[in-house]
Amino acid sequence: MQLTYRGAHYEYTPRSAEAVRESNVFQAIRPAFNLHYRGSVYTVDPNAEPSLPVLQPVAQLVYRGSTYALNGWTASTNVQSALSVISNNSRSNKKTSGSAEIATVHRSNLHNNLQRRLQVARESGDQSLITLLESELQQIA
Protein backbone atom coordinates (compact mmCIF):
# COMPACT_ATOMS: atom_id res chain seq x y z
CA MET A 1 0.00 0.00 0.00
CA GLN A 2 1.46 3.32 -1.06
CA LEU A 3 1.26 6.07 1.62
CA THR A 4 2.28 9.71 1.44
CA TYR A 5 3.00 11.98 4.40
CA ARG A 6 4.10 15.59 3.85
CA GLY A 7 5.45 14.78 0.42
CA ALA A 8 7.37 11.65 1.46
CA HIS A 9 6.20 8.36 -0.04
CA TYR A 10 6.13 5.13 1.98
CA GLU A 11 5.34 1.52 1.17
CA TYR A 12 3.17 -0.02 3.90
CA THR A 13 2.38 -3.71 4.26
CA PRO A 14 0.17 -4.55 7.25
CA ARG A 15 1.18 -7.59 9.29
CA SER A 16 -1.24 -10.48 9.51
CA ALA A 17 -2.63 -11.82 12.80
CA GLU A 18 -0.38 -14.89 12.52
CA ALA A 19 2.73 -12.71 12.30
CA VAL A 20 1.66 -10.85 15.43
CA ARG A 21 1.15 -14.13 17.29
CA GLU A 22 4.56 -15.38 16.16
CA SER A 23 6.23 -12.20 17.40
CA ASN A 24 4.57 -12.71 20.80
CA VAL A 25 6.12 -16.18 21.09
CA PHE A 26 9.61 -14.72 21.20
CA GLN A 27 8.84 -12.34 24.04
CA ALA A 28 10.29 -13.16 27.43
CA ILE A 29 8.10 -15.25 29.68
CA ARG A 30 7.26 -13.21 32.74
CA PRO A 31 5.87 -14.55 36.02
CA ALA A 32 2.29 -13.85 37.08
CA PHE A 33 1.76 -11.18 39.74
CA ASN A 34 -0.97 -10.25 42.20
CA LEU A 35 -2.90 -7.00 42.39
CA HIS A 36 -4.77 -5.86 45.49
CA TYR A 37 -7.89 -3.70 45.20
CA ARG A 38 -10.27 -2.97 48.09
CA GLY A 39 -9.35 -6.11 49.96
CA SER A 40 -9.57 -8.44 46.95
CA VAL A 41 -6.58 -10.09 45.34
CA TYR A 42 -6.43 -10.47 41.55
CA THR A 43 -3.85 -12.57 39.72
CA VAL A 44 -2.57 -11.20 36.42
CA ASP A 45 -0.73 -13.42 33.96
CA PRO A 46 1.08 -11.29 31.35
CA ASN A 47 1.73 -14.38 29.21
CA ALA A 48 -1.93 -15.32 28.84
CA GLU A 49 -3.68 -14.85 25.50
CA PRO A 50 -5.95 -11.79 25.51
CA SER A 51 -9.57 -12.77 25.87
CA LEU A 52 -12.35 -11.65 23.57
CA PRO A 53 -14.06 -8.41 24.53
CA VAL A 54 -17.22 -8.72 26.59
CA LEU A 55 -20.31 -7.88 24.57
CA GLN A 56 -22.55 -5.28 26.13
CA PRO A 57 -26.32 -5.89 26.32
CA VAL A 58 -28.54 -4.47 23.63
CA ALA A 59 -31.62 -2.60 24.84
CA GLN A 60 -33.95 0.32 24.36
CA LEU A 61 -34.23 2.54 27.42
CA VAL A 62 -36.60 5.33 28.46
CA TYR A 63 -35.51 8.25 30.63
CA ARG A 64 -38.11 10.88 31.56
CA GLY A 65 -40.19 10.06 28.52
CA SER A 66 -37.30 10.11 26.04
CA THR A 67 -36.39 6.81 24.45
CA TYR A 68 -32.87 5.97 23.36
CA ALA A 69 -31.13 2.89 22.06
CA LEU A 70 -28.17 1.18 23.68
CA ASN A 71 -25.64 -0.64 21.47
CA GLY A 72 -27.63 -0.57 18.25
CA TRP A 73 -30.99 -1.87 19.46
CA THR A 74 -33.79 -1.36 16.95
CA ALA A 75 -37.39 -1.70 18.03
CA SER A 76 -40.16 -3.06 15.89
CA THR A 77 -42.74 -0.55 14.68
CA ASN A 78 -45.36 -1.89 17.11
CA VAL A 79 -43.13 -1.28 20.12
CA GLN A 80 -42.19 2.19 18.89
CA SER A 81 -45.80 3.19 18.30
CA ALA A 82 -46.84 1.86 21.72
CA LEU A 83 -44.05 3.82 23.41
CA SER A 84 -45.01 7.01 21.58
CA VAL A 85 -48.70 6.61 22.60
CA ILE A 86 -47.70 6.07 26.24
CA SER A 87 -45.37 9.06 26.28
CA ASN A 88 -47.97 11.32 24.57
CA ASN A 89 -50.67 10.30 27.05
CA SER A 90 -48.44 10.95 30.04
CA ARG A 91 -47.48 14.39 28.69
CA SER A 92 -51.08 15.44 28.06
CA ASN A 93 -52.19 14.27 31.52
CA LYS A 94 -49.40 16.27 33.13
CA LYS A 95 -50.41 19.44 31.30
CA THR A 96 -54.10 19.26 32.23
CA SER A 97 -53.72 18.41 35.89
CA GLY A 98 -50.44 20.26 36.52
CA SER A 99 -51.13 23.37 38.62
CA ALA A 100 -54.22 22.06 40.45
CA GLU A 101 -52.42 18.89 41.47
CA ILE A 102 -49.35 20.80 42.60
CA ALA A 103 -51.47 23.11 44.75
CA THR A 104 -53.26 20.15 46.34
CA VAL A 105 -50.01 18.37 47.13
CA HIS A 106 -48.48 21.56 48.52
CA ARG A 107 -51.47 22.19 50.79
CA SER A 108 -51.37 18.56 51.96
CA ASN A 109 -47.64 18.82 52.77
CA LEU A 110 -48.18 22.05 54.72
CA HIS A 111 -51.03 20.45 56.69
CA ASN A 112 -48.98 17.32 57.52
CA ASN A 113 -45.98 19.41 58.58
CA LEU A 114 -48.18 21.58 60.81
CA GLN A 115 -49.82 18.52 62.39
CA ARG A 116 -46.40 17.10 63.23
CA ARG A 117 -45.23 20.40 64.74
CA LEU A 118 -48.46 20.64 66.76
CA GLN A 119 -47.97 17.11 68.13
CA VAL A 120 -44.39 17.94 69.22
CA ALA A 121 -45.60 21.16 70.90
CA ARG A 122 -48.30 19.22 72.80
CA GLU A 123 -45.72 16.65 73.96
CA SER A 124 -43.41 19.41 75.20
CA GLY A 125 -46.33 21.28 76.86
CA ASP A 126 -45.61 24.70 75.27
CA GLN A 127 -49.07 26.32 75.42
CA SER A 128 -48.17 29.54 73.55
CA LEU A 129 -46.74 27.53 70.63
CA ILE A 130 -49.82 25.30 70.61
CA THR A 131 -52.15 28.32 70.23
CA LEU A 132 -49.99 29.76 67.42
CA LEU A 133 -49.95 26.45 65.54
CA GLU A 134 -53.70 25.96 65.95
CA SER A 135 -54.39 29.41 64.51
CA GLU A 136 -52.05 28.65 61.59
CA LEU A 137 -53.88 25.35 61.06
CA GLN A 138 -57.22 27.23 60.83
CA GLN A 139 -55.74 29.58 58.23
CA ILE A 140 -54.56 26.68 56.05
CA ALA A 141 -57.87 24.81 56.27
C-alpha atoms as a PDB file:
ATOM      1  CA  MET A   1       0.000   0.000   0.000  1.00  0.00           C
ATOM      2  CA  GLN A   2       1.461   3.325  -1.059  1.00  0.00           C
ATOM      3  CA  LEU A   3       1.257   6.072   1.622  1.00  0.00           C
ATOM      4  CA  THR A   4       2.278   9.713   1.437  1.00  0.00           C
ATOM      5  CA  TYR A   5       2.997  11.979   4.396  1.00  0.00           C
ATOM      6  CA  ARG A   6       4.096  15.585   3.849  1.00  0.00           C
ATOM      7  CA  GLY A   7       5.450  14.784   0.416  1.00  0.00           C
ATOM      8  CA  ALA A   8       7.368  11.648   1.460  1.00  0.00           C
ATOM      9  CA  HIS A   9       6.201   8.360  -0.037  1.00  0.00           C
ATOM     10  CA  TYR A  10       6.125   5.126   1.975  1.00  0.00           C
ATOM     11  CA  GLU A  11       5.337   1.524   1.172  1.00  0.00           C
ATOM     12  CA  TYR A  12       3.169  -0.020   3.903  1.00  0.00           C
ATOM     13  CA  THR A  13       2.381  -3.715   4.259  1.00  0.00           C
ATOM     14  CA  PRO A  14       0.168  -4.553   7.251  1.00  0.00           C
ATOM     15  CA  ARG A  15       1.179  -7.594   9.291  1.00  0.00           C
ATOM     16  CA  SER A  16      -1.239 -10.480   9.509  1.00  0.00           C
ATOM     17  CA  ALA A  17      -2.625 -11.821  12.800  1.00  0.00           C
ATOM     18  CA  GLU A  18      -0.383 -14.893  12.522  1.00  0.00           C
ATOM     19  CA  ALA A  19       2.732 -12.715  12.300  1.00  0.00           C
ATOM     20  CA  VAL A  20       1.656 -10.849  15.432  1.00  0.00           C
ATOM     21  CA  ARG A  21       1.146 -14.126  17.290  1.00  0.00           C
ATOM     22  CA  GLU A  22       4.558 -15.380  16.157  1.00  0.00           C
ATOM     23  CA  SER A  23       6.228 -12.204  17.396  1.00  0.00           C
ATOM     24  CA  ASN A  24       4.570 -12.707  20.798  1.00  0.00           C
ATOM     25  CA  VAL A  25       6.116 -16.179  21.087  1.00  0.00           C
ATOM     26  CA  PHE A  26       9.612 -14.724  21.205  1.00  0.00           C
ATOM     27  CA  GLN A  27       8.835 -12.343  24.043  1.00  0.00           C
ATOM     28  CA  ALA A  28      10.293 -13.163  27.431  1.00  0.00           C
ATOM     29  CA  ILE A  29       8.099 -15.253  29.678  1.00  0.00           C
ATOM     30  CA  ARG A  30       7.261 -13.213  32.739  1.00  0.00           C
ATOM     31  CA  PRO A  31       5.868 -14.555  36.018  1.00  0.00           C
ATOM     32  CA  ALA A  32       2.290 -13.845  37.077  1.00  0.00           C
ATOM     33  CA  PHE A  33       1.765 -11.185  39.739  1.00  0.00           C
ATOM     34  CA  ASN A  34      -0.967 -10.253  42.197  1.00  0.00           C
ATOM     35  CA  LEU A  35      -2.902  -7.000  42.392  1.00  0.00           C
ATOM     36  CA  HIS A  36      -4.772  -5.858  45.494  1.00  0.00           C
ATOM     37  CA  TYR A  37      -7.889  -3.703  45.200  1.00  0.00           C
ATOM     38  CA  ARG A  38     -10.275  -2.968  48.088  1.00  0.00           C
ATOM     39  CA  GLY A  39      -9.350  -6.107  49.957  1.00  0.00           C
ATOM     40  CA  SER A  40      -9.573  -8.439  46.945  1.00  0.00           C
ATOM     41  CA  VAL A  41      -6.585 -10.093  45.340  1.00  0.00           C
ATOM     42  CA  TYR A  42      -6.426 -10.467  41.550  1.00  0.00           C
ATOM     43  CA  THR A  43      -3.850 -12.571  39.723  1.00  0.00           C
ATOM     44  CA  VAL A  44      -2.571 -11.198  36.420  1.00  0.00           C
ATOM     45  CA  ASP A  45      -0.731 -13.418  33.957  1.00  0.00           C
ATOM     46  CA  PRO A  46       1.075 -11.288  31.351  1.00  0.00           C
ATOM     47  CA  ASN A  47       1.734 -14.381  29.213  1.00  0.00           C
ATOM     48  CA  ALA A  48      -1.934 -15.325  28.837  1.00  0.00           C
ATOM     49  CA  GLU A  49      -3.678 -14.851  25.504  1.00  0.00           C
ATOM     50  CA  PRO A  50      -5.949 -11.794  25.507  1.00  0.00           C
ATOM     51  CA  SER A  51      -9.575 -12.767  25.866  1.00  0.00           C
ATOM     52  CA  LEU A  52     -12.354 -11.653  23.570  1.00  0.00           C
ATOM     53  CA  PRO A  53     -14.058  -8.407  24.528  1.00  0.00           C
ATOM     54  CA  VAL A  54     -17.221  -8.721  26.586  1.00  0.00           C
ATOM     55  CA  LEU A  55     -20.306  -7.878  24.565  1.00  0.00           C
ATOM     56  CA  GLN A  56     -22.547  -5.277  26.130  1.00  0.00           C
ATOM     57  CA  PRO A  57     -26.315  -5.890  26.323  1.00  0.00           C
ATOM     58  CA  VAL A  58     -28.535  -4.470  23.626  1.00  0.00           C
ATOM     59  CA  ALA A  59     -31.624  -2.604  24.841  1.00  0.00           C
ATOM     60  CA  GLN A  60     -33.950   0.318  24.363  1.00  0.00           C
ATOM     61  CA  LEU A  61     -34.228   2.541  27.417  1.00  0.00           C
ATOM     62  CA  VAL A  62     -36.604   5.326  28.460  1.00  0.00           C
ATOM     63  CA  TYR A  63     -35.511   8.253  30.626  1.00  0.00           C
ATOM     64  CA  ARG A  64     -38.108  10.883  31.561  1.00  0.00           C
ATOM     65  CA  GLY A  65     -40.187  10.061  28.521  1.00  0.00           C
ATOM     66  CA  SER A  66     -37.302  10.113  26.040  1.00  0.00           C
ATOM     67  CA  THR A  67     -36.387   6.807  24.450  1.00  0.00           C
ATOM     68  CA  TYR A  68     -32.872   5.972  23.357  1.00  0.00           C
ATOM     69  CA  ALA A  69     -31.128   2.892  22.064  1.00  0.00           C
ATOM     70  CA  LEU A  70     -28.173   1.178  23.682  1.00  0.00           C
ATOM     71  CA  ASN A  71     -25.637  -0.642  21.468  1.00  0.00           C
ATOM     72  CA  GLY A  72     -27.632  -0.571  18.247  1.00  0.00           C
ATOM     73  CA  TRP A  73     -30.995  -1.874  19.457  1.00  0.00           C
ATOM     74  CA  THR A  74     -33.791  -1.359  16.955  1.00  0.00           C
ATOM     75  CA  ALA A  75     -37.390  -1.701  18.028  1.00  0.00           C
ATOM     76  CA  SER A  76     -40.163  -3.060  15.890  1.00  0.00           C
ATOM     77  CA  THR A  77     -42.744  -0.551  14.679  1.00  0.00           C
ATOM     78  CA  ASN A  78     -45.364  -1.891  17.111  1.00  0.00           C
ATOM     79  CA  VAL A  79     -43.127  -1.282  20.117  1.00  0.00           C
ATOM     80  CA  GLN A  80     -42.195   2.192  18.891  1.00  0.00           C
ATOM     81  CA  SER A  81     -45.803   3.187  18.304  1.00  0.00           C
ATOM     82  CA  ALA A  82     -46.837   1.863  21.725  1.00  0.00           C
ATOM     83  CA  LEU A  83     -44.049   3.819  23.409  1.00  0.00           C
ATOM     84  CA  SER A  84     -45.014   7.011  21.577  1.00  0.00           C
ATOM     85  CA  VAL A  85     -48.700   6.609  22.605  1.00  0.00           C
ATOM     86  CA  ILE A  86     -47.699   6.067  26.235  1.00  0.00           C
ATOM     87  CA  SER A  87     -45.372   9.062  26.284  1.00  0.00           C
ATOM     88  CA  ASN A  88     -47.966  11.317  24.565  1.00  0.00           C
ATOM     89  CA  ASN A  89     -50.670  10.297  27.049  1.00  0.00           C
ATOM     90  CA  SER A  90     -48.439  10.945  30.037  1.00  0.00           C
ATOM     91  CA  ARG A  91     -47.478  14.387  28.694  1.00  0.00           C
ATOM     92  CA  SER A  92     -51.081  15.439  28.058  1.00  0.00           C
ATOM     93  CA  ASN A  93     -52.191  14.272  31.524  1.00  0.00           C
ATOM     94  CA  LYS A  94     -49.395  16.270  33.135  1.00  0.00           C
ATOM     95  CA  LYS A  95     -50.414  19.442  31.304  1.00  0.00           C
ATOM     96  CA  THR A  96     -54.105  19.259  32.228  1.00  0.00           C
ATOM     97  CA  SER A  97     -53.716  18.409  35.894  1.00  0.00           C
ATOM     98  CA  GLY A  98     -50.444  20.265  36.525  1.00  0.00           C
ATOM     99  CA  SER A  99     -51.126  23.374  38.620  1.00  0.00           C
ATOM    100  CA  ALA A 100     -54.219  22.056  40.451  1.00  0.00           C
ATOM    101  CA  GLU A 101     -52.418  18.885  41.465  1.00  0.00           C
ATOM    102  CA  ILE A 102     -49.345  20.804  42.600  1.00  0.00           C
ATOM    103  CA  ALA A 103     -51.468  23.115  44.752  1.00  0.00           C
ATOM    104  CA  THR A 104     -53.261  20.154  46.342  1.00  0.00           C
ATOM    105  CA  VAL A 105     -50.011  18.373  47.130  1.00  0.00           C
ATOM    106  CA  HIS A 106     -48.481  21.557  48.521  1.00  0.00           C
ATOM    107  CA  ARG A 107     -51.472  22.190  50.785  1.00  0.00           C
ATOM    108  CA  SER A 108     -51.366  18.561  51.960  1.00  0.00           C
ATOM    109  CA  ASN A 109     -47.642  18.820  52.766  1.00  0.00           C
ATOM    110  CA  LEU A 110     -48.182  22.048  54.721  1.00  0.00           C
ATOM    111  CA  HIS A 111     -51.026  20.451  56.685  1.00  0.00           C
ATOM    112  CA  ASN A 112     -48.977  17.325  57.515  1.00  0.00           C
ATOM    113  CA  ASN A 113     -45.980  19.406  58.581  1.00  0.00           C
ATOM    114  CA  LEU A 114     -48.178  21.580  60.805  1.00  0.00           C
ATOM    115  CA  GLN A 115     -49.825  18.525  62.392  1.00  0.00           C
ATOM    116  CA  ARG A 116     -46.400  17.097  63.227  1.00  0.00           C
ATOM    117  CA  ARG A 117     -45.232  20.401  64.741  1.00  0.00           C
ATOM    118  CA  LEU A 118     -48.462  20.637  66.763  1.00  0.00           C
ATOM    119  CA  GLN A 119     -47.967  17.111  68.133  1.00  0.00           C
ATOM    120  CA  VAL A 120     -44.392  17.941  69.223  1.00  0.00           C
ATOM    121  CA  ALA A 121     -45.604  21.157  70.897  1.00  0.00           C
ATOM    122  CA  ARG A 122     -48.300  19.218  72.800  1.00  0.00           C
ATOM    123  CA  GLU A 123     -45.722  16.652  73.958  1.00  0.00           C
ATOM    124  CA  SER A 124     -43.408  19.411  75.204  1.00  0.00           C
ATOM    125  CA  GLY A 125     -46.329  21.277  76.858  1.00  0.00           C
ATOM    126  CA  ASP A 126     -45.605  24.704  75.270  1.00  0.00           C
ATOM    127  CA  GLN A 127     -49.069  26.317  75.416  1.00  0.00           C
ATOM    128  CA  SER A 128     -48.168  29.538  73.550  1.00  0.00           C
ATOM    129  CA  LEU A 129     -46.737  27.526  70.633  1.00  0.00           C
ATOM    130  CA  ILE A 130     -49.821  25.300  70.608  1.00  0.00           C
ATOM    131  CA  THR A 131     -52.145  28.317  70.232  1.00  0.00           C
ATOM    132  CA  LEU A 132     -49.989  29.759  67.425  1.00  0.00           C
ATOM    133  CA  LEU A 133     -49.947  26.448  65.538  1.00  0.00           C
ATOM    134  CA  GLU A 134     -53.700  25.960  65.951  1.00  0.00           C
ATOM    135  CA  SER A 135     -54.387  29.414  64.507  1.00  0.00           C
ATOM    136  CA  GLU A 136     -52.054  28.645  61.595  1.00  0.00           C
ATOM    137  CA  LEU A 137     -53.876  25.352  61.055  1.00  0.00           C
ATOM    138  CA  GLN A 138     -57.217  27.227  60.826  1.00  0.00           C
ATOM    139  CA  GLN A 139     -55.739  29.583  58.229  1.00  0.00           C
ATOM    140  CA  ILE A 140     -54.563  26.681  56.048  1.00  0.00           C
ATOM    141  CA  ALA A 141     -57.870  24.810  56.268  1.00  0.00           C
END
